[in-house]
Amino acid sequence: MDYAAARTKMVDNQIRTTDVTDHAILRAFLSVPREDFVPDARRPLAYIDGDVALGGGRYLMEPSPFAKLIQLAQIGPGDVVLDVGSGSGYSSAILSQLAGSVVALESDAQLSTAATETLARLDYLNCVVVQSPLEAGYASEAPYDVILFEGAVDAVPSCFFDQLRSGGRLVAVVGTGNAASARLFRKEGETVSDRFAFNCSIRGLPGFESQPDFVF
């Protein structure tokens, strides 16, 4: 299979057509070999217009919504980014092309090991993979200029805003299914504001489900 040609088609047919116009983002998607971040048996599926199963109930996010979320974050070359739920490391590899450094946070031991090996092999040297519960963030490397969630959450835990630098941005898809929306949170001093960006239905991240209220 000609993966380079498939990568170009992904950018032209899936990403450009959904209002992603930032040239640095487009270049990142053209340069990172998505096929290296999926299980060997699924490499031919790496560039499909959909999620790719990574195993253990986890998925590599469909290219179009992922690109739109990155564009919403407005990542600059000096930014420190926390990539929450980095999975096999593909998202962090893309982010590393835009940011100064990336902390790839992953709770799954097998995925974090695979991500560490693949990112090192491909020389994405400004990424570091840390294995830790997703819902707690990663305070030891805070504050972050950008925090990006690689899956939908029912709500953003307050600890993530504590780990965000003043002037920083947090991008998350909040909600479930077709009722979910991409939201941009901004922190100025101790104040956090947010706004709706676009409707976005993606798979949820484990650990961020709302607990049911107690009912008498």
N, C-alpha and C. Protein backbone atom coordinates (compact mmCIF):
# COMPACT_ATOMS: atom_id res chain seq x y z
N MET A 1 0.84 -1.19 0.00
CA MET A 1 0.00 0.00 0.00
C MET A 1 0.88 1.25 0.00
N ASP A 2 0.49 2.25 -0.77
CA ASP A 2 1.22 3.51 -0.83
C ASP A 2 0.70 4.43 0.28
N TYR A 3 1.36 4.37 1.43
CA TYR A 3 0.89 5.13 2.58
C TYR A 3 1.04 6.64 2.38
N ALA A 4 2.09 7.06 1.68
CA ALA A 4 2.28 8.49 1.42
C ALA A 4 1.12 9.05 0.60
N ALA A 5 0.68 8.30 -0.41
CA ALA A 5 -0.46 8.73 -1.21
C ALA A 5 -1.73 8.75 -0.38
N ALA A 6 -1.90 7.74 0.49
CA ALA A 6 -3.08 7.69 1.35
C ALA A 6 -3.08 8.87 2.32
N ARG A 7 -1.91 9.26 2.78
CA ARG A 7 -1.80 10.40 3.70
C ARG A 7 -2.23 11.69 3.00
N THR A 8 -1.81 11.85 1.77
CA THR A 8 -2.20 13.04 1.01
C THR A 8 -3.70 13.07 0.77
N LYS A 9 -4.27 11.93 0.42
CA LYS A 9 -5.72 11.86 0.22
C LYS A 9 -6.47 12.16 1.51
N MET A 10 -5.95 11.69 2.65
CA MET A 10 -6.59 11.99 3.94
C MET A 10 -6.66 13.49 4.16
N VAL A 11 -5.55 14.17 3.91
CA VAL A 11 -5.51 15.62 4.13
C VAL A 11 -6.44 16.34 3.14
N ASP A 12 -6.39 15.94 1.88
CA ASP A 12 -7.18 16.64 0.86
C ASP A 12 -8.68 16.36 0.98
N ASN A 13 -9.03 15.11 1.30
CA ASN A 13 -10.44 14.72 1.25
C ASN A 13 -11.15 14.73 2.60
N GLN A 14 -10.40 14.58 3.69
CA GLN A 14 -11.02 14.51 5.01
C GLN A 14 -10.81 15.76 5.85
N ILE A 15 -9.65 16.40 5.70
CA ILE A 15 -9.29 17.50 6.60
C ILE A 15 -9.53 18.86 5.96
N ARG A 16 -8.99 19.07 4.77
CA ARG A 16 -9.21 20.36 4.10
C ARG A 16 -10.70 20.64 3.88
N THR A 17 -11.47 19.61 3.64
CA THR A 17 -12.88 19.78 3.31
C THR A 17 -13.74 20.10 4.54
N THR A 18 -13.14 20.07 5.73
CA THR A 18 -13.91 20.39 6.95
C THR A 18 -13.39 21.66 7.60
N ASP A 19 -12.98 22.60 6.76
CA ASP A 19 -12.62 23.96 7.19
C ASP A 19 -11.35 24.03 8.03
N VAL A 20 -10.46 23.07 7.89
CA VAL A 20 -9.14 23.18 8.51
C VAL A 20 -8.23 23.84 7.49
N THR A 21 -7.80 25.07 7.79
CA THR A 21 -7.06 25.86 6.81
C THR A 21 -5.66 26.23 7.28
N ASP A 22 -5.32 25.94 8.52
CA ASP A 22 -4.01 26.29 9.05
C ASP A 22 -2.93 25.46 8.35
N HIS A 23 -2.00 26.12 7.70
CA HIS A 23 -1.00 25.42 6.89
C HIS A 23 -0.07 24.56 7.75
N ALA A 24 0.26 25.03 8.95
CA ALA A 24 1.13 24.25 9.82
C ALA A 24 0.46 22.94 10.23
N ILE A 25 -0.85 22.98 10.48
CA ILE A 25 -1.58 21.77 10.82
C ILE A 25 -1.62 20.81 9.64
N LEU A 26 -1.91 21.34 8.48
CA LEU A 26 -1.95 20.49 7.28
C LEU A 26 -0.59 19.83 7.03
N ARG A 27 0.49 20.59 7.21
CA ARG A 27 1.83 20.03 7.02
C ARG A 27 2.10 18.92 8.04
N ALA A 28 1.63 19.11 9.26
CA ALA A 28 1.84 18.09 10.29
C ALA A 28 1.16 16.79 9.92
N PHE A 29 -0.07 16.87 9.45
CA PHE A 29 -0.80 15.66 9.05
C PHE A 29 -0.17 15.00 7.82
N LEU A 30 0.45 15.79 6.97
CA LEU A 30 1.11 15.23 5.80
C LEU A 30 2.44 14.55 6.16
N SER A 31 3.04 14.96 7.26
CA SER A 31 4.38 14.47 7.58
C SER A 31 4.39 13.28 8.54
N VAL A 32 3.38 13.15 9.40
CA VAL A 32 3.40 12.10 10.42
C VAL A 32 2.81 10.81 9.86
N PRO A 33 3.54 9.69 9.91
CA PRO A 33 3.05 8.42 9.36
C PRO A 33 2.03 7.76 10.29
N ARG A 34 0.79 8.01 10.04
CA ARG A 34 -0.29 7.49 10.89
C ARG A 34 -0.25 5.95 10.98
N GLU A 35 0.20 5.30 9.91
CA GLU A 35 0.21 3.85 9.89
C GLU A 35 1.16 3.25 10.94
N ASP A 36 2.15 4.02 11.38
CA ASP A 36 3.09 3.52 12.38
C ASP A 36 2.51 3.52 13.79
N PHE A 37 1.35 4.13 13.96
CA PHE A 37 0.76 4.28 15.29
C PHE A 37 -0.48 3.41 15.49
N VAL A 38 -0.71 2.47 14.59
CA VAL A 38 -1.83 1.53 14.74
C VAL A 38 -1.27 0.11 14.75
N PRO A 39 -2.02 -0.84 15.31
CA PRO A 39 -1.55 -2.24 15.30
C PRO A 39 -1.26 -2.71 13.88
N ASP A 40 -0.28 -3.60 13.75
CA ASP A 40 0.15 -4.06 12.43
C ASP A 40 -1.01 -4.56 11.56
N ALA A 41 -1.93 -5.29 12.18
CA ALA A 41 -3.04 -5.87 11.42
C ALA A 41 -3.98 -4.80 10.88
N ARG A 42 -3.92 -3.60 11.44
CA ARG A 42 -4.84 -2.53 11.02
C ARG A 42 -4.14 -1.43 10.22
N ARG A 43 -2.90 -1.63 9.89
CA ARG A 43 -2.17 -0.61 9.11
C ARG A 43 -2.89 -0.22 7.82
N PRO A 44 -3.47 -1.16 7.07
CA PRO A 44 -4.19 -0.75 5.85
C PRO A 44 -5.40 0.15 6.13
N LEU A 45 -5.85 0.18 7.39
CA LEU A 45 -7.01 1.01 7.76
C LEU A 45 -6.61 2.35 8.34
N ALA A 46 -5.32 2.63 8.38
CA ALA A 46 -4.84 3.80 9.10
C ALA A 46 -5.45 5.11 8.60
N TYR A 47 -5.76 5.19 7.30
CA TYR A 47 -6.20 6.46 6.73
C TYR A 47 -7.68 6.48 6.36
N ILE A 48 -8.45 5.56 6.94
CA ILE A 48 -9.89 5.57 6.69
C ILE A 48 -10.53 6.80 7.32
N ASP A 49 -11.69 7.15 6.84
CA ASP A 49 -12.45 8.29 7.37
C ASP A 49 -13.24 7.81 8.57
N GLY A 50 -12.52 7.49 9.64
CA GLY A 50 -13.16 6.96 10.85
C GLY A 50 -12.12 6.64 11.89
N ASP A 51 -12.59 6.20 13.06
CA ASP A 51 -11.69 5.82 14.14
C ASP A 51 -11.03 4.48 13.83
N VAL A 52 -9.83 4.28 14.37
CA VAL A 52 -9.12 3.01 14.20
C VAL A 52 -8.91 2.39 15.58
N ALA A 53 -9.34 1.14 15.75
CA ALA A 53 -9.23 0.47 17.04
C ALA A 53 -7.77 0.22 17.38
N LEU A 54 -7.40 0.54 18.61
CA LEU A 54 -6.04 0.31 19.10
C LEU A 54 -5.96 -0.89 20.03
N GLY A 55 -7.12 -1.42 20.43
CA GLY A 55 -7.18 -2.51 21.40
C GLY A 55 -7.54 -1.98 22.78
N GLY A 56 -8.10 -2.87 23.60
CA GLY A 56 -8.47 -2.47 24.95
C GLY A 56 -9.56 -1.44 25.02
N GLY A 57 -10.39 -1.37 23.97
CA GLY A 57 -11.48 -0.40 23.97
C GLY A 57 -11.06 1.01 23.64
N ARG A 58 -9.83 1.19 23.18
CA ARG A 58 -9.34 2.53 22.84
C ARG A 58 -9.23 2.67 21.33
N TYR A 59 -9.29 3.93 20.85
CA TYR A 59 -9.32 4.19 19.42
C TYR A 59 -8.45 5.39 19.07
N LEU A 60 -7.92 5.36 17.86
CA LEU A 60 -7.27 6.52 17.27
C LEU A 60 -8.35 7.37 16.63
N MET A 61 -8.44 8.63 17.05
CA MET A 61 -9.54 9.48 16.62
C MET A 61 -9.54 9.72 15.11
N GLU A 62 -10.71 9.79 14.55
CA GLU A 62 -10.90 10.13 13.14
C GLU A 62 -10.14 11.42 12.81
N PRO A 63 -9.48 11.51 11.67
CA PRO A 63 -8.63 12.66 11.37
C PRO A 63 -9.34 14.01 11.38
N SER A 64 -10.53 14.09 10.80
CA SER A 64 -11.19 15.39 10.65
C SER A 64 -11.49 16.08 11.99
N PRO A 65 -12.20 15.43 12.93
CA PRO A 65 -12.45 16.13 14.19
C PRO A 65 -11.17 16.43 14.96
N PHE A 66 -10.19 15.53 14.87
CA PHE A 66 -8.93 15.78 15.56
C PHE A 66 -8.26 17.04 15.02
N ALA A 67 -8.22 17.19 13.70
CA ALA A 67 -7.62 18.38 13.10
C ALA A 67 -8.38 19.64 13.49
N LYS A 68 -9.70 19.56 13.54
CA LYS A 68 -10.49 20.73 13.91
C LYS A 68 -10.25 21.13 15.36
N LEU A 69 -10.09 20.15 16.24
CA LEU A 69 -9.81 20.45 17.64
C LEU A 69 -8.45 21.11 17.79
N ILE A 70 -7.46 20.63 17.05
CA ILE A 70 -6.14 21.25 17.09
C ILE A 70 -6.20 22.69 16.61
N GLN A 71 -6.90 22.93 15.51
CA GLN A 71 -7.01 24.29 14.99
C GLN A 71 -7.66 25.21 16.02
N LEU A 72 -8.64 24.69 16.74
CA LEU A 72 -9.32 25.48 17.76
C LEU A 72 -8.36 25.89 18.88
N ALA A 73 -7.37 25.05 19.17
CA ALA A 73 -6.44 25.30 20.28
C ALA A 73 -5.43 26.39 19.97
N GLN A 74 -5.21 26.71 18.69
CA GLN A 74 -4.27 27.77 18.28
C GLN A 74 -2.89 27.56 18.90
N ILE A 75 -2.29 26.42 18.64
CA ILE A 75 -1.01 26.06 19.24
C ILE A 75 0.12 26.80 18.54
N GLY A 76 1.02 27.37 19.35
CA GLY A 76 2.17 28.08 18.83
C GLY A 76 3.47 27.35 19.09
N PRO A 77 4.56 27.73 18.43
CA PRO A 77 5.82 26.99 18.53
C PRO A 77 6.48 27.01 19.90
N GLY A 78 6.07 27.92 20.76
CA GLY A 78 6.65 27.96 22.11
C GLY A 78 5.78 27.31 23.16
N ASP A 79 4.64 26.76 22.77
CA ASP A 79 3.67 26.24 23.73
C ASP A 79 4.08 24.89 24.30
N VAL A 80 3.75 24.71 25.58
CA VAL A 80 3.85 23.41 26.24
C VAL A 80 2.44 22.82 26.25
N VAL A 81 2.28 21.61 25.71
CA VAL A 81 0.96 21.01 25.51
C VAL A 81 0.83 19.73 26.34
N LEU A 82 -0.29 19.57 27.01
CA LEU A 82 -0.65 18.32 27.66
C LEU A 82 -1.67 17.61 26.77
N ASP A 83 -1.30 16.43 26.31
CA ASP A 83 -2.14 15.62 25.43
C ASP A 83 -2.78 14.52 26.26
N VAL A 84 -4.05 14.68 26.58
CA VAL A 84 -4.73 13.79 27.54
C VAL A 84 -5.36 12.62 26.80
N GLY A 85 -4.89 11.41 27.13
CA GLY A 85 -5.37 10.22 26.44
C GLY A 85 -4.67 10.04 25.12
N SER A 86 -3.35 10.11 25.15
CA SER A 86 -2.55 10.13 23.92
C SER A 86 -2.51 8.80 23.19
N GLY A 87 -2.99 7.72 23.82
CA GLY A 87 -3.10 6.44 23.13
C GLY A 87 -1.76 5.94 22.62
N SER A 88 -1.70 5.64 21.34
CA SER A 88 -0.49 5.09 20.74
C SER A 88 0.55 6.15 20.39
N GLY A 89 0.23 7.42 20.62
CA GLY A 89 1.20 8.50 20.42
C GLY A 89 1.03 9.31 19.15
N TYR A 90 0.08 8.92 18.28
CA TYR A 90 -0.09 9.66 17.02
C TYR A 90 -0.47 11.12 17.28
N SER A 91 -1.40 11.33 18.17
CA SER A 91 -1.84 12.70 18.45
C SER A 91 -0.68 13.55 18.94
N SER A 92 0.16 12.97 19.80
CA SER A 92 1.30 13.72 20.32
C SER A 92 2.32 14.01 19.24
N ALA A 93 2.49 13.07 18.30
CA ALA A 93 3.41 13.31 17.18
C ALA A 93 2.93 14.50 16.34
N ILE A 94 1.64 14.56 16.07
CA ILE A 94 1.08 15.69 15.33
C ILE A 94 1.30 16.99 16.11
N LEU A 95 0.97 16.98 17.40
CA LEU A 95 1.10 18.17 18.23
C LEU A 95 2.55 18.62 18.33
N SER A 96 3.49 17.67 18.29
CA SER A 96 4.90 18.02 18.41
C SER A 96 5.40 18.84 17.24
N GLN A 97 4.71 18.76 16.11
CA GLN A 97 5.07 19.55 14.94
C GLN A 97 4.63 21.00 15.05
N LEU A 98 3.79 21.28 16.04
CA LEU A 98 3.22 22.62 16.20
C LEU A 98 3.70 23.32 17.46
N ALA A 99 4.04 22.54 18.49
CA ALA A 99 4.33 23.06 19.82
C ALA A 99 5.82 23.00 20.13
N GLY A 100 6.19 23.63 21.26
CA GLY A 100 7.56 23.52 21.72
C GLY A 100 7.84 22.18 22.35
N SER A 101 6.89 21.69 23.17
CA SER A 101 7.03 20.38 23.80
C SER A 101 5.66 19.83 24.11
N VAL A 102 5.58 18.49 24.20
CA VAL A 102 4.32 17.80 24.41
C VAL A 102 4.48 16.77 25.53
N VAL A 103 3.58 16.81 26.50
CA VAL A 103 3.50 15.78 27.52
C VAL A 103 2.33 14.87 27.13
N ALA A 104 2.65 13.63 26.77
CA ALA A 104 1.64 12.67 26.33
C ALA A 104 1.19 11.85 27.53
N LEU A 105 -0.02 12.12 27.99
CA LEU A 105 -0.55 11.45 29.18
C LEU A 105 -1.41 10.26 28.77
N GLU A 106 -1.05 9.08 29.24
CA GLU A 106 -1.78 7.87 28.91
C GLU A 106 -1.86 6.95 30.13
N SER A 107 -3.03 6.39 30.37
CA SER A 107 -3.24 5.51 31.53
C SER A 107 -2.99 4.05 31.21
N ASP A 108 -3.12 3.66 29.96
CA ASP A 108 -2.97 2.26 29.56
C ASP A 108 -1.49 1.92 29.40
N ALA A 109 -1.03 0.90 30.13
CA ALA A 109 0.39 0.57 30.14
C ALA A 109 0.89 0.14 28.77
N GLN A 110 0.13 -0.70 28.07
CA GLN A 110 0.57 -1.17 26.76
C GLN A 110 0.64 -0.03 25.75
N LEU A 111 -0.36 0.83 25.77
CA LEU A 111 -0.35 1.96 24.84
C LEU A 111 0.77 2.94 25.14
N SER A 112 1.02 3.21 26.41
CA SER A 112 2.09 4.14 26.76
C SER A 112 3.45 3.59 26.37
N THR A 113 3.64 2.28 26.54
CA THR A 113 4.91 1.66 26.12
C THR A 113 5.07 1.74 24.61
N ALA A 114 4.02 1.41 23.88
CA ALA A 114 4.07 1.47 22.42
C ALA A 114 4.33 2.90 21.95
N ALA A 115 3.67 3.87 22.58
CA ALA A 115 3.86 5.27 22.19
C ALA A 115 5.29 5.72 22.43
N THR A 116 5.85 5.35 23.56
CA THR A 116 7.23 5.72 23.87
C THR A 116 8.18 5.18 22.82
N GLU A 117 8.00 3.91 22.44
CA GLU A 117 8.89 3.28 21.47
C GLU A 117 8.74 3.90 20.09
N THR A 118 7.50 4.14 19.66
CA THR A 118 7.28 4.66 18.31
C THR A 118 7.75 6.11 18.19
N LEU A 119 7.45 6.93 19.17
CA LEU A 119 7.88 8.33 19.12
C LEU A 119 9.40 8.44 19.11
N ALA A 120 10.07 7.57 19.89
CA ALA A 120 11.54 7.59 19.91
C ALA A 120 12.10 7.11 18.57
N ARG A 121 11.51 6.06 18.03
CA ARG A 121 12.00 5.50 16.77
C ARG A 121 11.88 6.50 15.62
N LEU A 122 10.82 7.31 15.65
CA LEU A 122 10.59 8.27 14.58
C LEU A 122 11.17 9.65 14.88
N ASP A 123 11.90 9.75 16.00
CA ASP A 123 12.62 10.98 16.37
C ASP A 123 11.71 12.16 16.67
N TYR A 124 10.57 11.89 17.31
CA TYR A 124 9.76 12.99 17.83
C TYR A 124 10.28 13.28 19.24
N LEU A 125 11.36 14.03 19.28
CA LEU A 125 12.14 14.16 20.51
C LEU A 125 11.58 15.17 21.50
N ASN A 126 10.63 16.00 21.07
CA ASN A 126 10.05 16.96 22.00
C ASN A 126 8.76 16.44 22.63
N CYS A 127 8.56 15.11 22.60
CA CYS A 127 7.44 14.46 23.27
C CYS A 127 7.96 13.60 24.42
N VAL A 128 7.26 13.62 25.53
CA VAL A 128 7.55 12.68 26.61
C VAL A 128 6.24 12.00 27.00
N VAL A 129 6.27 10.68 27.10
CA VAL A 129 5.08 9.91 27.45
C VAL A 129 5.10 9.61 28.94
N VAL A 130 4.00 9.89 29.62
CA VAL A 130 3.88 9.58 31.04
C VAL A 130 2.65 8.70 31.25
N GLN A 131 2.81 7.65 32.05
CA GLN A 131 1.69 6.77 32.36
C GLN A 131 1.12 7.16 33.71
N SER A 132 -0.13 7.58 33.71
CA SER A 132 -0.77 8.06 34.93
C SER A 132 -2.27 8.15 34.66
N PRO A 133 -3.11 8.11 35.71
CA PRO A 133 -4.56 8.23 35.49
C PRO A 133 -4.90 9.52 34.75
N LEU A 134 -5.72 9.39 33.73
CA LEU A 134 -6.04 10.55 32.88
C LEU A 134 -6.78 11.63 33.64
N GLU A 135 -7.69 11.23 34.51
CA GLU A 135 -8.59 12.20 35.12
C GLU A 135 -7.91 13.14 36.10
N ALA A 136 -6.65 12.84 36.47
CA ALA A 136 -5.91 13.70 37.40
C ALA A 136 -5.01 14.70 36.68
N GLY A 137 -4.89 14.58 35.35
CA GLY A 137 -3.94 15.42 34.65
C GLY A 137 -2.52 15.02 35.00
N TYR A 138 -1.59 15.96 34.84
CA TYR A 138 -0.20 15.68 35.20
C TYR A 138 0.43 16.96 35.73
N ALA A 139 0.24 17.16 37.04
CA ALA A 139 0.59 18.44 37.66
C ALA A 139 2.09 18.70 37.70
N SER A 140 2.92 17.66 37.71
CA SER A 140 4.35 17.87 37.90
C SER A 140 5.00 18.63 36.75
N GLU A 141 4.38 18.63 35.57
CA GLU A 141 4.92 19.38 34.43
C GLU A 141 4.14 20.65 34.15
N ALA A 142 3.14 20.96 34.97
CA ALA A 142 2.33 22.16 34.78
C ALA A 142 3.14 23.40 35.17
N PRO A 143 2.73 24.59 34.71
CA PRO A 143 1.51 24.86 33.95
C PRO A 143 1.70 24.64 32.45
N TYR A 144 0.57 24.38 31.78
CA TYR A 144 0.56 24.14 30.35
C TYR A 144 -0.06 25.32 29.62
N ASP A 145 0.42 25.56 28.42
CA ASP A 145 -0.19 26.59 27.58
C ASP A 145 -1.46 26.07 26.91
N VAL A 146 -1.45 24.78 26.60
CA VAL A 146 -2.59 24.14 25.93
C VAL A 146 -2.81 22.77 26.55
N ILE A 147 -4.07 22.43 26.79
CA ILE A 147 -4.47 21.08 27.20
C ILE A 147 -5.52 20.62 26.19
N LEU A 148 -5.28 19.43 25.64
CA LEU A 148 -6.18 18.89 24.61
C LEU A 148 -6.60 17.48 25.01
N PHE A 149 -7.90 17.20 24.93
CA PHE A 149 -8.44 15.89 25.28
C PHE A 149 -8.66 15.07 24.02
N GLU A 150 -8.18 13.82 24.03
CA GLU A 150 -8.29 12.94 22.86
C GLU A 150 -9.52 12.05 22.92
N GLY A 151 -10.60 12.58 23.43
CA GLY A 151 -11.86 11.88 23.52
C GLY A 151 -12.85 12.73 24.28
N ALA A 152 -14.10 12.37 24.18
CA ALA A 152 -15.15 13.17 24.83
C ALA A 152 -15.17 12.93 26.34
N VAL A 153 -15.59 13.95 27.08
CA VAL A 153 -15.73 13.87 28.53
C VAL A 153 -17.10 14.39 28.92
N ASP A 154 -17.62 13.89 30.03
CA ASP A 154 -18.90 14.43 30.51
C ASP A 154 -18.72 15.82 31.09
N ALA A 155 -17.56 16.06 31.70
CA ALA A 155 -17.22 17.37 32.24
C ALA A 155 -15.71 17.42 32.39
N VAL A 156 -15.16 18.63 32.40
CA VAL A 156 -13.71 18.80 32.59
C VAL A 156 -13.43 18.97 34.07
N PRO A 157 -12.68 18.06 34.69
CA PRO A 157 -12.36 18.20 36.11
C PRO A 157 -11.61 19.50 36.39
N SER A 158 -11.86 20.09 37.55
CA SER A 158 -11.27 21.39 37.89
C SER A 158 -9.75 21.34 37.97
N CYS A 159 -9.18 20.16 38.24
CA CYS A 159 -7.72 20.08 38.35
C CYS A 159 -7.02 20.49 37.06
N PHE A 160 -7.68 20.31 35.93
CA PHE A 160 -7.06 20.69 34.66
C PHE A 160 -6.94 22.20 34.53
N PHE A 161 -7.89 22.93 35.05
CA PHE A 161 -7.79 24.39 35.01
C PHE A 161 -6.70 24.88 35.96
N ASP A 162 -6.48 24.15 37.06
CA ASP A 162 -5.38 24.48 37.96
C ASP A 162 -4.03 24.29 37.26
N GLN A 163 -3.97 23.35 36.30
CA GLN A 163 -2.72 23.05 35.61
C GLN A 163 -2.51 23.89 34.35
N LEU A 164 -3.47 24.77 34.08
CA LEU A 164 -3.41 25.61 32.88
C LEU A 164 -2.80 26.97 33.22
N ARG A 165 -1.88 27.40 32.39
CA ARG A 165 -1.24 28.71 32.59
C ARG A 165 -2.23 29.84 32.31
N SER A 166 -2.07 30.97 32.97
CA SER A 166 -2.87 32.14 32.64
C SER A 166 -2.62 32.51 31.18
N GLY A 167 -3.67 32.68 30.42
CA GLY A 167 -3.57 32.89 28.99
C GLY A 167 -3.64 31.60 28.20
N GLY A 168 -3.73 30.47 28.91
CA GLY A 168 -3.75 29.17 28.26
C GLY A 168 -5.12 28.79 27.74
N ARG A 169 -5.12 27.76 26.87
CA ARG A 169 -6.36 27.27 26.27
C ARG A 169 -6.53 25.79 26.56
N LEU A 170 -7.74 25.38 26.80
CA LEU A 170 -8.09 23.98 26.97
C LEU A 170 -9.20 23.66 25.98
N VAL A 171 -9.00 22.59 25.20
CA VAL A 171 -9.99 22.18 24.21
C VAL A 171 -10.48 20.79 24.55
N ALA A 172 -11.80 20.66 24.63
CA ALA A 172 -12.40 19.37 24.96
C ALA A 172 -13.75 19.24 24.27
N VAL A 173 -14.10 18.01 23.94
CA VAL A 173 -15.46 17.70 23.50
C VAL A 173 -16.23 17.27 24.73
N VAL A 174 -17.28 18.02 25.03
CA VAL A 174 -18.05 17.81 26.26
C VAL A 174 -19.42 17.28 25.89
N GLY A 175 -19.77 16.14 26.48
CA GLY A 175 -21.07 15.55 26.22
C GLY A 175 -20.95 14.19 25.56
N THR A 176 -22.09 13.64 25.19
CA THR A 176 -22.14 12.29 24.66
C THR A 176 -22.87 12.26 23.32
N GLY A 177 -22.31 11.51 22.37
CA GLY A 177 -22.98 11.30 21.09
C GLY A 177 -23.22 12.59 20.34
N ASN A 178 -24.35 12.68 19.66
CA ASN A 178 -24.65 13.84 18.84
C ASN A 178 -24.97 15.09 19.65
N ALA A 179 -25.13 14.93 20.96
CA ALA A 179 -25.38 16.09 21.82
C ALA A 179 -24.08 16.74 22.29
N ALA A 180 -22.95 16.15 21.95
CA ALA A 180 -21.66 16.66 22.41
C ALA A 180 -21.23 17.87 21.58
N SER A 181 -20.37 18.70 22.17
CA SER A 181 -19.88 19.88 21.47
C SER A 181 -18.42 20.13 21.82
N ALA A 182 -17.67 20.61 20.84
CA ALA A 182 -16.31 21.04 21.08
C ALA A 182 -16.35 22.41 21.74
N ARG A 183 -15.57 22.55 22.82
CA ARG A 183 -15.58 23.80 23.56
C ARG A 183 -14.15 24.28 23.77
N LEU A 184 -13.99 25.59 23.72
CA LEU A 184 -12.70 26.22 23.97
C LEU A 184 -12.77 26.95 25.30
N PHE A 185 -11.92 26.54 26.24
CA PHE A 185 -11.81 27.18 27.55
C PHE A 185 -10.56 28.06 27.56
N ARG A 186 -10.68 29.25 28.10
CA ARG A 186 -9.53 30.15 28.24
C ARG A 186 -9.39 30.56 29.70
N LYS A 187 -8.15 30.63 30.16
CA LYS A 187 -7.88 31.03 31.53
C LYS A 187 -7.16 32.37 31.53
N GLU A 188 -7.70 33.32 32.25
CA GLU A 188 -7.07 34.63 32.43
C GLU A 188 -7.00 34.89 33.92
N GLY A 189 -5.78 34.87 34.47
CA GLY A 189 -5.64 34.96 35.92
C GLY A 189 -6.24 33.72 36.55
N GLU A 190 -7.20 33.90 37.41
CA GLU A 190 -7.89 32.77 38.04
C GLU A 190 -9.28 32.54 37.44
N THR A 191 -9.60 33.27 36.38
CA THR A 191 -10.92 33.17 35.77
C THR A 191 -10.86 32.30 34.52
N VAL A 192 -11.81 31.37 34.42
CA VAL A 192 -11.90 30.50 33.26
C VAL A 192 -13.23 30.76 32.55
N SER A 193 -13.15 31.02 31.26
CA SER A 193 -14.36 31.20 30.45
C SER A 193 -14.36 30.13 29.37
N ASP A 194 -15.53 29.87 28.81
CA ASP A 194 -15.58 28.90 27.73
C ASP A 194 -16.63 29.30 26.71
N ARG A 195 -16.46 28.77 25.50
CA ARG A 195 -17.43 29.05 24.44
C ARG A 195 -17.62 27.80 23.59
N PHE A 196 -18.79 27.71 23.01
CA PHE A 196 -19.10 26.65 22.07
C PHE A 196 -18.35 26.91 20.77
N ALA A 197 -17.77 25.84 20.19
CA ALA A 197 -17.06 25.98 18.92
C ALA A 197 -17.81 25.30 17.78
N PHE A 198 -18.11 24.00 17.94
CA PHE A 198 -18.85 23.29 16.91
C PHE A 198 -19.36 21.97 17.49
N ASN A 199 -20.38 21.41 16.87
CA ASN A 199 -20.87 20.09 17.26
C ASN A 199 -19.83 19.04 16.90
N CYS A 200 -19.65 18.07 17.78
CA CYS A 200 -18.59 17.09 17.55
C CYS A 200 -18.91 15.82 18.31
N SER A 201 -19.09 14.72 17.60
CA SER A 201 -19.38 13.43 18.23
C SER A 201 -18.16 12.53 18.08
N ILE A 202 -17.48 12.27 19.19
CA ILE A 202 -16.32 11.39 19.19
C ILE A 202 -16.45 10.41 20.36
N ARG A 203 -15.62 9.39 20.35
CA ARG A 203 -15.66 8.40 21.42
C ARG A 203 -15.18 9.01 22.74
N GLY A 204 -15.72 8.49 23.85
CA GLY A 204 -15.38 9.03 25.15
C GLY A 204 -14.04 8.52 25.67
N LEU A 205 -13.46 9.30 26.58
CA LEU A 205 -12.24 8.89 27.28
C LEU A 205 -12.62 8.20 28.58
N PRO A 206 -11.97 7.09 28.91
CA PRO A 206 -12.28 6.42 30.18
C PRO A 206 -11.85 7.27 31.37
N GLY A 207 -12.67 7.23 32.41
CA GLY A 207 -12.35 7.95 33.63
C GLY A 207 -13.02 9.29 33.77
N PHE A 208 -13.74 9.73 32.73
CA PHE A 208 -14.37 11.05 32.76
C PHE A 208 -15.90 10.95 32.72
N GLU A 209 -16.44 9.78 33.04
CA GLU A 209 -17.88 9.62 33.04
C GLU A 209 -18.47 10.23 34.32
N SER A 210 -19.60 10.91 34.17
CA SER A 210 -20.29 11.47 35.33
C SER A 210 -20.85 10.34 36.19
N GLN A 211 -20.75 10.50 37.49
CA GLN A 211 -21.34 9.53 38.40
C GLN A 211 -22.83 9.81 38.54
N PRO A 212 -23.67 8.78 38.49
CA PRO A 212 -25.11 9.01 38.62
C PRO A 212 -25.46 9.58 39.99
N ASP A 213 -26.40 10.51 39.98
CA ASP A 213 -26.86 11.11 41.25
C ASP A 213 -27.61 10.06 42.06
N PHE A 214 -27.49 10.20 43.39
CA PHE A 214 -28.22 9.28 44.26
C PHE A 214 -29.72 9.62 44.21
N VAL A 215 -30.53 8.62 44.04
CA VAL A 215 -31.98 8.80 43.96
C VAL A 215 -32.64 8.00 45.07
N PHE A 216 -33.52 8.67 45.84
CA PHE A 216 -34.24 7.98 46.92
C PHE A 216 -35.30 7.05 46.31
